[in-house]
């Protein structure tokens, strides 16, 4: 079994109101110096080890078609 990970992040030019809310909450809790927070998601997928080498393009297609919104999000694929 191999583990694949798709990391989805908002594009830099997209506003992140959830990240701003977390930054403000951290400030209220006394965590000083936090200049910005961006919220994303990690999707972990188990794949057969025998298919791990050819899985990267398929994972990128999964991310592009379902796991991420290509208009507002970027993604990164890795396989362990």
PDB file of N, CA and C in Angstrom:
ATOM      1  N   UNK A   1       0.850  -1.172   0.000  1.00  0.00           N
ATOM      2  CA  UNK A   1       0.000   0.000   0.000  1.00  0.00           C
ATOM      3  C   UNK A   1       0.900   1.242   0.000  1.00  0.00           C
ATOM      4  N   UNK A   2       0.545   2.207  -0.792  1.00  0.00           N
ATOM      5  CA  UNK A   2       1.258   3.483  -0.835  1.00  0.00           C
ATOM      6  C   UNK A   2       0.293   4.581  -0.411  1.00  0.00           C
ATOM      7  N   UNK A   3       0.837   5.605   0.169  1.00  0.00           N
ATOM      8  CA  UNK A   3       0.017   6.738   0.607  1.00  0.00           C
ATOM      9  C   UNK A   3       0.260   7.927  -0.308  1.00  0.00           C
ATOM     10  N   UNK A   4      -0.830   8.482  -0.796  1.00  0.00           N
ATOM     11  CA  UNK A   4      -0.756   9.681  -1.622  1.00  0.00           C
ATOM     12  C   UNK A   4      -1.386  10.825  -0.844  1.00  0.00           C
ATOM     13  N   UNK A   5      -0.919  12.011  -1.113  1.00  0.00           N
ATOM     14  CA  UNK A   5      -1.430  13.195  -0.422  1.00  0.00           C
ATOM     15  C   UNK A   5      -1.650  14.291  -1.447  1.00  0.00           C
ATOM     16  N   UNK A   6      -2.839  14.888  -1.381  1.00  0.00           N
ATOM     17  CA  UNK A   6      -3.157  16.046  -2.206  1.00  0.00           C
ATOM     18  C   UNK A   6      -3.348  17.224  -1.262  1.00  0.00           C
ATOM     19  N   UNK A   7      -2.514  18.236  -1.412  1.00  0.00           N
ATOM     20  CA  UNK A   7      -2.620  19.439  -0.592  1.00  0.00           C
ATOM     21  C   UNK A   7      -3.273  20.519  -1.436  1.00  0.00           C
ATOM     22  N   UNK A   8      -4.375  21.055  -0.928  1.00  0.00           N
ATOM     23  CA  UNK A   8      -5.146  22.064  -1.653  1.00  0.00           C
ATOM     24  C   UNK A   8      -5.046  23.380  -0.882  1.00  0.00           C
ATOM     25  N   UNK A   9      -4.666  24.425  -1.593  1.00  0.00           N
ATOM     26  CA  UNK A   9      -4.529  25.756  -0.987  1.00  0.00           C
ATOM     27  C   UNK A   9      -5.239  26.786  -1.863  1.00  0.00           C
ATOM     28  N   UNK A  10      -5.737  27.830  -1.213  1.00  0.00           N
ATOM     29  CA  UNK A  10      -6.292  28.939  -1.983  1.00  0.00           C
ATOM     30  C   UNK A  10      -5.173  29.610  -2.771  1.00  0.00           C
ATOM     31  N   UNK A  11      -5.488  30.071  -3.956  1.00  0.00           N
ATOM     32  CA  UNK A  11      -4.504  30.823  -4.729  1.00  0.00           C
ATOM     33  C   UNK A  11      -4.174  32.106  -3.962  1.00  0.00           C
ATOM     34  N   UNK A  12      -2.947  32.590  -4.102  1.00  0.00           N
ATOM     35  CA  UNK A  12      -2.523  33.768  -3.323  1.00  0.00           C
ATOM     36  C   UNK A  12      -3.419  34.990  -3.499  1.00  0.00           C
ATOM     37  N   UNK A  13      -4.005  35.153  -4.677  1.00  0.00           N
ATOM     38  CA  UNK A  13      -4.821  36.345  -4.932  1.00  0.00           C
ATOM     39  C   UNK A  13      -6.256  36.221  -4.406  1.00  0.00           C
ATOM     40  N   UNK A  14      -6.623  35.046  -3.889  1.00  0.00           N
ATOM     41  CA  UNK A  14      -7.980  34.815  -3.377  1.00  0.00           C
ATOM     42  C   UNK A  14      -8.010  35.159  -1.887  1.00  0.00           C
ATOM     43  N   UNK A  15      -8.972  35.972  -1.488  1.00  0.00           N
ATOM     44  CA  UNK A  15      -9.132  36.322  -0.080  1.00  0.00           C
ATOM     45  C   UNK A  15      -9.491  35.085   0.730  1.00  0.00           C
ATOM     46  N   UNK A  16      -9.038  35.040   1.984  1.00  0.00           N
ATOM     47  CA  UNK A  16      -9.287  33.904   2.858  1.00  0.00           C
ATOM     48  C   UNK A  16      -9.940  34.389   4.151  1.00  0.00           C
ATOM     49  N   UNK A  17     -11.260  34.587   4.176  1.00  0.00           N
ATOM     50  CA  UNK A  17     -11.916  35.083   5.384  1.00  0.00           C
ATOM     51  C   UNK A  17     -11.787  34.119   6.570  1.00  0.00           C
ATOM     52  N   UNK A  18     -11.745  32.827   6.309  1.00  0.00           N
ATOM     53  CA  UNK A  18     -11.563  31.864   7.399  1.00  0.00           C
ATOM     54  C   UNK A  18     -10.169  32.019   8.012  1.00  0.00           C
ATOM     55  N   UNK A  19      -9.164  32.189   7.179  1.00  0.00           N
ATOM     56  CA  UNK A  19      -7.810  32.411   7.678  1.00  0.00           C
ATOM     57  C   UNK A  19      -7.713  33.701   8.476  1.00  0.00           C
ATOM     58  N   UNK A  20      -8.401  34.766   8.016  1.00  0.00           N
ATOM     59  CA  UNK A  20      -8.403  36.032   8.755  1.00  0.00           C
ATOM     60  C   UNK A  20      -9.062  35.866  10.120  1.00  0.00           C
ATOM     61  N   UNK A  21     -10.156  35.090  10.186  1.00  0.00           N
ATOM     62  CA  UNK A  21     -10.834  34.848  11.466  1.00  0.00           C
ATOM     63  C   UNK A  21      -9.919  34.093  12.426  1.00  0.00           C
ATOM     64  N   UNK A  22      -9.180  33.124  11.920  1.00  0.00           N
ATOM     65  CA  UNK A  22      -8.248  32.369  12.763  1.00  0.00           C
ATOM     66  C   UNK A  22      -7.130  33.278  13.245  1.00  0.00           C
ATOM     67  N   UNK A  23      -6.605  34.136  12.357  1.00  0.00           N
ATOM     68  CA  UNK A  23      -5.539  35.060  12.768  1.00  0.00           C
ATOM     69  C   UNK A  23      -6.017  35.969  13.895  1.00  0.00           C
ATOM     70  N   UNK A  24      -7.226  36.512  13.761  1.00  0.00           N
ATOM     71  CA  UNK A  24      -7.771  37.384  14.808  1.00  0.00           C
ATOM     72  C   UNK A  24      -7.979  36.620  16.115  1.00  0.00           C
ATOM     73  N   UNK A  25      -8.450  35.378  16.028  1.00  0.00           N
ATOM     74  CA  UNK A  25      -8.654  34.564  17.234  1.00  0.00           C
ATOM     75  C   UNK A  25      -7.321  34.273  17.914  1.00  0.00           C
ATOM     76  N   UNK A  26      -6.294  33.981  17.137  1.00  0.00           N
ATOM     77  CA  UNK A  26      -4.971  33.743  17.720  1.00  0.00           C
ATOM     78  C   UNK A  26      -4.468  34.985  18.441  1.00  0.00           C
ATOM     79  N   UNK A  27      -4.692  36.143  17.834  1.00  0.00           N
ATOM     80  CA  UNK A  27      -4.292  37.406  18.451  1.00  0.00           C
ATOM     81  C   UNK A  27      -5.015  37.604  19.785  1.00  0.00           C
ATOM     82  N   UNK A  28      -6.338  37.332  19.806  1.00  0.00           N
ATOM     83  CA  UNK A  28      -7.106  37.467  21.046  1.00  0.00           C
ATOM     84  C   UNK A  28      -6.636  36.503  22.128  1.00  0.00           C
ATOM     85  N   UNK A  29      -6.120  35.353  21.699  1.00  0.00           N
ATOM     86  CA  UNK A  29      -5.619  34.370  22.656  1.00  0.00           C
ATOM     87  C   UNK A  29      -4.208  34.682  23.133  1.00  0.00           C
ATOM     88  N   UNK A  30      -3.624  35.751  22.629  1.00  0.00           N
ATOM     89  CA  UNK A  30      -2.317  36.183  23.096  1.00  0.00           C
ATOM     90  C   UNK A  30      -1.143  35.728  22.246  1.00  0.00           C
ATOM     91  N   UNK A  31      -1.403  35.133  21.094  1.00  0.00           N
ATOM     92  CA  UNK A  31      -0.316  34.716  20.212  1.00  0.00           C
ATOM     93  C   UNK A  31       0.076  35.903  19.345  1.00  0.00           C
ATOM     94  N   UNK A  32       1.163  36.559  19.732  1.00  0.00           N
ATOM     95  CA  UNK A  32       1.607  37.768  19.041  1.00  0.00           C
ATOM     96  C   UNK A  32       2.452  37.439  17.826  1.00  0.00           C
ATOM     97  N   UNK A  33       2.462  38.347  16.881  1.00  0.00           N
ATOM     98  CA  UNK A  33       3.351  38.236  15.737  1.00  0.00           C
ATOM     99  C   UNK A  33       2.812  37.433  14.562  1.00  0.00           C
ATOM    100  N   UNK A  34       1.593  36.907  14.655  1.00  0.00           N
ATOM    101  CA  UNK A  34       1.024  36.165  13.537  1.00  0.00           C
ATOM    102  C   UNK A  34       0.518  37.181  12.515  1.00  0.00           C
ATOM    103  N   UNK A  35       1.160  37.240  11.370  1.00  0.00           N
ATOM    104  CA  UNK A  35       0.832  38.248  10.353  1.00  0.00           C
ATOM    105  C   UNK A  35      -0.265  37.777   9.403  1.00  0.00           C
ATOM    106  N   UNK A  36      -0.390  36.491   9.211  1.00  0.00           N
ATOM    107  CA  UNK A  36      -1.402  35.993   8.298  1.00  0.00           C
ATOM    108  C   UNK A  36      -1.607  34.506   8.468  1.00  0.00           C
ATOM    109  N   UNK A  37      -2.807  34.044   8.135  1.00  0.00           N
ATOM    110  CA  UNK A  37      -3.142  32.622   8.178  1.00  0.00           C
ATOM    111  C   UNK A  37      -3.902  32.298   6.901  1.00  0.00           C
ATOM    112  N   UNK A  38      -3.534  31.209   6.264  1.00  0.00           N
ATOM    113  CA  UNK A  38      -4.254  30.717   5.086  1.00  0.00           C
ATOM    114  C   UNK A  38      -4.734  29.308   5.423  1.00  0.00           C
ATOM    115  N   UNK A  39      -5.983  29.021   5.142  1.00  0.00           N
ATOM    116  CA  UNK A  39      -6.563  27.716   5.429  1.00  0.00           C
ATOM    117  C   UNK A  39      -6.599  26.895   4.142  1.00  0.00           C
ATOM    118  N   UNK A  40      -6.227  25.634   4.249  1.00  0.00           N
ATOM    119  CA  UNK A  40      -6.275  24.715   3.117  1.00  0.00           C
ATOM    120  C   UNK A  40      -6.790  23.375   3.588  1.00  0.00           C
ATOM    121  N   UNK A  41      -6.563  22.354   2.787  1.00  0.00           N
ATOM    122  CA  UNK A  41      -6.982  21.014   3.177  1.00  0.00           C
ATOM    123  C   UNK A  41      -5.995  19.992   2.640  1.00  0.00           C
ATOM    124  N   UNK A  42      -5.934  18.868   3.340  1.00  0.00           N
ATOM    125  CA  UNK A  42      -5.093  17.752   2.932  1.00  0.00           C
ATOM    126  C   UNK A  42      -6.006  16.557   2.717  1.00  0.00           C
ATOM    127  N   UNK A  43      -5.896  15.932   1.558  1.00  0.00           N
ATOM    128  CA  UNK A  43      -6.654  14.727   1.254  1.00  0.00           C
ATOM    129  C   UNK A  43      -5.649  13.593   1.150  1.00  0.00           C
ATOM    130  N   UNK A  44      -5.822  12.557   1.979  1.00  0.00           N
ATOM    131  CA  UNK A  44      -4.930  11.401   1.952  1.00  0.00           C
ATOM    132  C   UNK A  44      -5.646  10.247   1.272  1.00  0.00           C
ATOM    133  N   UNK A  45      -4.953   9.613   0.326  1.00  0.00           N
ATOM    134  CA  UNK A  45      -5.532   8.543  -0.480  1.00  0.00           C
ATOM    135  C   UNK A  45      -4.586   7.349  -0.439  1.00  0.00           C
ATOM    136  N   UNK A  46      -5.116   6.169  -0.117  1.00  0.00           N
ATOM    137  CA  UNK A  46      -4.323   4.948  -0.153  1.00  0.00           C
ATOM    138  C   UNK A  46      -4.447   4.331  -1.542  1.00  0.00           C
ATOM    139  N   UNK A  47      -3.307   3.958  -2.102  1.00  0.00           N
ATOM    140  CA  UNK A  47      -3.308   3.333  -3.431  1.00  0.00           C
ATOM    141  C   UNK A  47      -2.461   2.066  -3.378  1.00  0.00           C
ATOM    142  N   UNK A  48      -2.734   1.136  -4.290  1.00  0.00           N
ATOM    143  CA  UNK A  48      -1.933  -0.081  -4.373  1.00  0.00           C
ATOM    144  C   UNK A  48      -0.497   0.282  -4.700  1.00  0.00           C
ATOM    145  N   UNK A  49       0.447  -0.351  -4.016  1.00  0.00           N
ATOM    146  CA  UNK A  49       1.862  -0.061  -4.238  1.00  0.00           C
ATOM    147  C   UNK A  49       2.266  -0.323  -5.685  1.00  0.00           C
ATOM    148  N   UNK A  50       1.675  -1.327  -6.303  1.00  0.00           N
ATOM    149  CA  UNK A  50       2.039  -1.655  -7.684  1.00  0.00           C
ATOM    150  C   UNK A  50       1.615  -0.579  -8.673  1.00  0.00           C
ATOM    151  N   UNK A  51       0.674   0.299  -8.267  1.00  0.00           N
ATOM    152  CA  UNK A  51       0.215   1.376  -9.145  1.00  0.00           C
ATOM    153  C   UNK A  51       0.779   2.746  -8.748  1.00  0.00           C
ATOM    154  N   UNK A  52       1.641   2.771  -7.753  1.00  0.00           N
ATOM    155  CA  UNK A  52       2.124   4.049  -7.212  1.00  0.00           C
ATOM    156  C   UNK A  52       2.893   4.866  -8.254  1.00  0.00           C
ATOM    157  N   UNK A  53       3.697   4.210  -9.078  1.00  0.00           N
ATOM    158  CA  UNK A  53       4.526   4.959 -10.023  1.00  0.00           C
ATOM    159  C   UNK A  53       3.699   5.705 -11.062  1.00  0.00           C
ATOM    160  N   UNK A  54       2.611   5.130 -11.510  1.00  0.00           N
ATOM    161  CA  UNK A  54       1.798   5.804 -12.525  1.00  0.00           C
ATOM    162  C   UNK A  54       0.624   6.569 -11.925  1.00  0.00           C
ATOM    163  N   UNK A  55       0.569   6.675 -10.608  1.00  0.00           N
ATOM    164  CA  UNK A  55      -0.576   7.305  -9.938  1.00  0.00           C
ATOM    165  C   UNK A  55      -0.559   8.833  -9.993  1.00  0.00           C
ATOM    166  N   UNK A  56       0.600   9.456 -10.086  1.00  0.00           N
ATOM    167  CA  UNK A  56       0.677  10.921 -10.015  1.00  0.00           C
ATOM    168  C   UNK A  56      -0.215  11.625 -11.033  1.00  0.00           C
ATOM    169  N   UNK A  57      -0.197  11.245 -12.309  1.00  0.00           N
ATOM    170  CA  UNK A  57      -1.090  11.929 -13.251  1.00  0.00           C
ATOM    171  C   UNK A  57      -2.574  11.710 -12.934  1.00  0.00           C
ATOM    172  N   UNK A  58      -2.905  10.526 -12.452  1.00  0.00           N
ATOM    173  CA  UNK A  58      -4.299  10.244 -12.088  1.00  0.00           C
ATOM    174  C   UNK A  58      -4.718  11.075 -10.885  1.00  0.00           C
ATOM    175  N   UNK A  59      -3.828  11.207  -9.909  1.00  0.00           N
ATOM    176  CA  UNK A  59      -4.125  12.029  -8.730  1.00  0.00           C
ATOM    177  C   UNK A  59      -4.294  13.490  -9.109  1.00  0.00           C
ATOM    178  N   UNK A  60      -3.463  13.963 -10.022  1.00  0.00           N
ATOM    179  CA  UNK A  60      -3.593  15.345 -10.480  1.00  0.00           C
ATOM    180  C   UNK A  60      -4.933  15.538 -11.184  1.00  0.00           C
ATOM    181  N   UNK A  61      -5.360  14.562 -11.949  1.00  0.00           N
ATOM    182  CA  UNK A  61      -6.664  14.648 -12.626  1.00  0.00           C
ATOM    183  C   UNK A  61      -7.793  14.639 -11.598  1.00  0.00           C
ATOM    184  N   UNK A  62      -7.678  13.782 -10.570  1.00  0.00           N
ATOM    185  CA  UNK A  62      -8.675  13.757  -9.483  1.00  0.00           C
ATOM    186  C   UNK A  62      -8.778  15.129  -8.818  1.00  0.00           C
ATOM    187  N   UNK A  63      -7.611  15.698  -8.525  1.00  0.00           N
ATOM    188  CA  UNK A  63      -7.588  17.003  -7.854  1.00  0.00           C
ATOM    189  C   UNK A  63      -8.187  18.079  -8.740  1.00  0.00           C
ATOM    190  N   UNK A  64      -7.846  18.057 -10.010  1.00  0.00           N
ATOM    191  CA  UNK A  64      -8.329  19.080 -10.934  1.00  0.00           C
ATOM    192  C   UNK A  64      -9.832  18.975 -11.172  1.00  0.00           C
ATOM    193  N   UNK A  65     -10.371  17.751 -11.189  1.00  0.00           N
ATOM    194  CA  UNK A  65     -11.783  17.554 -11.508  1.00  0.00           C
ATOM    195  C   UNK A  65     -12.704  17.503 -10.300  1.00  0.00           C
ATOM    196  N   UNK A  66     -12.161  17.165  -9.107  1.00  0.00           N
ATOM    197  CA  UNK A  66     -13.047  16.976  -7.963  1.00  0.00           C
ATOM    198  C   UNK A  66     -12.532  17.567  -6.653  1.00  0.00           C
ATOM    199  N   UNK A  67     -11.269  17.336  -6.345  1.00  0.00           N
ATOM    200  CA  UNK A  67     -10.763  17.663  -5.012  1.00  0.00           C
ATOM    201  C   UNK A  67     -10.462  19.141  -4.803  1.00  0.00           C
ATOM    202  N   UNK A  68     -10.168  19.853  -5.870  1.00  0.00           N
ATOM    203  CA  UNK A  68      -9.852  21.280  -5.781  1.00  0.00           C
ATOM    204  C   UNK A  68     -10.688  22.046  -6.799  1.00  0.00           C
ATOM    205  N   UNK A  69     -10.909  23.302  -6.501  1.00  0.00           N
ATOM    206  CA  UNK A  69     -11.574  24.193  -7.447  1.00  0.00           C
ATOM    207  C   UNK A  69     -10.471  24.931  -8.201  1.00  0.00           C
ATOM    208  N   UNK A  70     -10.225  24.590  -9.461  1.00  0.00           N
ATOM    209  CA  UNK A  70      -9.092  25.180 -10.177  1.00  0.00           C
ATOM    210  C   UNK A  70      -9.199  26.695 -10.382  1.00  0.00           C
ATOM    211  N   UNK A  71     -10.370  27.251 -10.201  1.00  0.00           N
ATOM    212  CA  UNK A  71     -10.535  28.696 -10.340  1.00  0.00           C
ATOM    213  C   UNK A  71      -9.944  29.424  -9.137  1.00  0.00           C
ATOM    214  N   UNK A  72     -10.123  28.857  -7.943  1.00  0.00           N
ATOM    215  CA  UNK A  72      -9.695  29.550  -6.718  1.00  0.00           C
ATOM    216  C   UNK A  72      -8.592  28.832  -5.951  1.00  0.00           C
ATOM    217  N   UNK A  73      -8.278  27.593  -6.320  1.00  0.00           N
ATOM    218  CA  UNK A  73      -7.326  26.807  -5.525  1.00  0.00           C
ATOM    219  C   UNK A  73      -6.209  26.223  -6.385  1.00  0.00           C
ATOM    220  N   UNK A  74      -5.046  26.065  -5.764  1.00  0.00           N
ATOM    221  CA  UNK A  74      -3.930  25.333  -6.326  1.00  0.00           C
ATOM    222  C   UNK A  74      -3.821  24.022  -5.553  1.00  0.00           C
ATOM    223  N   UNK A  75      -3.174  23.031  -6.156  1.00  0.00           N
ATOM    224  CA  UNK A  75      -2.976  21.775  -5.443  1.00  0.00           C
ATOM    225  C   UNK A  75      -1.583  21.218  -5.720  1.00  0.00           C
ATOM    226  N   UNK A  76      -1.177  20.352  -4.819  1.00  0.00           N
ATOM    227  CA  UNK A  76       0.129  19.697  -4.911  1.00  0.00           C
ATOM    228  C   UNK A  76      -0.082  18.224  -4.591  1.00  0.00           C
ATOM    229  N   UNK A  77       0.509  17.337  -5.377  1.00  0.00           N
ATOM    230  CA  UNK A  77       0.337  15.901  -5.206  1.00  0.00           C
ATOM    231  C   UNK A  77       1.673  15.287  -4.794  1.00  0.00           C
ATOM    232  N   UNK A  78       1.633  14.396  -3.802  1.00  0.00           N
ATOM    233  CA  UNK A  78       2.832  13.648  -3.434  1.00  0.00           C
ATOM    234  C   UNK A  78       2.453  12.198  -3.127  1.00  0.00           C
ATOM    235  N   UNK A  79       3.390  11.304  -3.368  1.00  0.00           N
ATOM    236  CA  UNK A  79       3.183   9.873  -3.105  1.00  0.00           C
ATOM    237  C   UNK A  79       4.354   9.390  -2.276  1.00  0.00           C
ATOM    238  N   UNK A  80       4.045   8.754  -1.156  1.00  0.00           N
ATOM    239  CA  UNK A  80       5.095   8.219  -0.262  1.00  0.00           C
ATOM    240  C   UNK A  80       5.389   6.776  -0.615  1.00  0.00           C
TER     241      UNK A  80
END
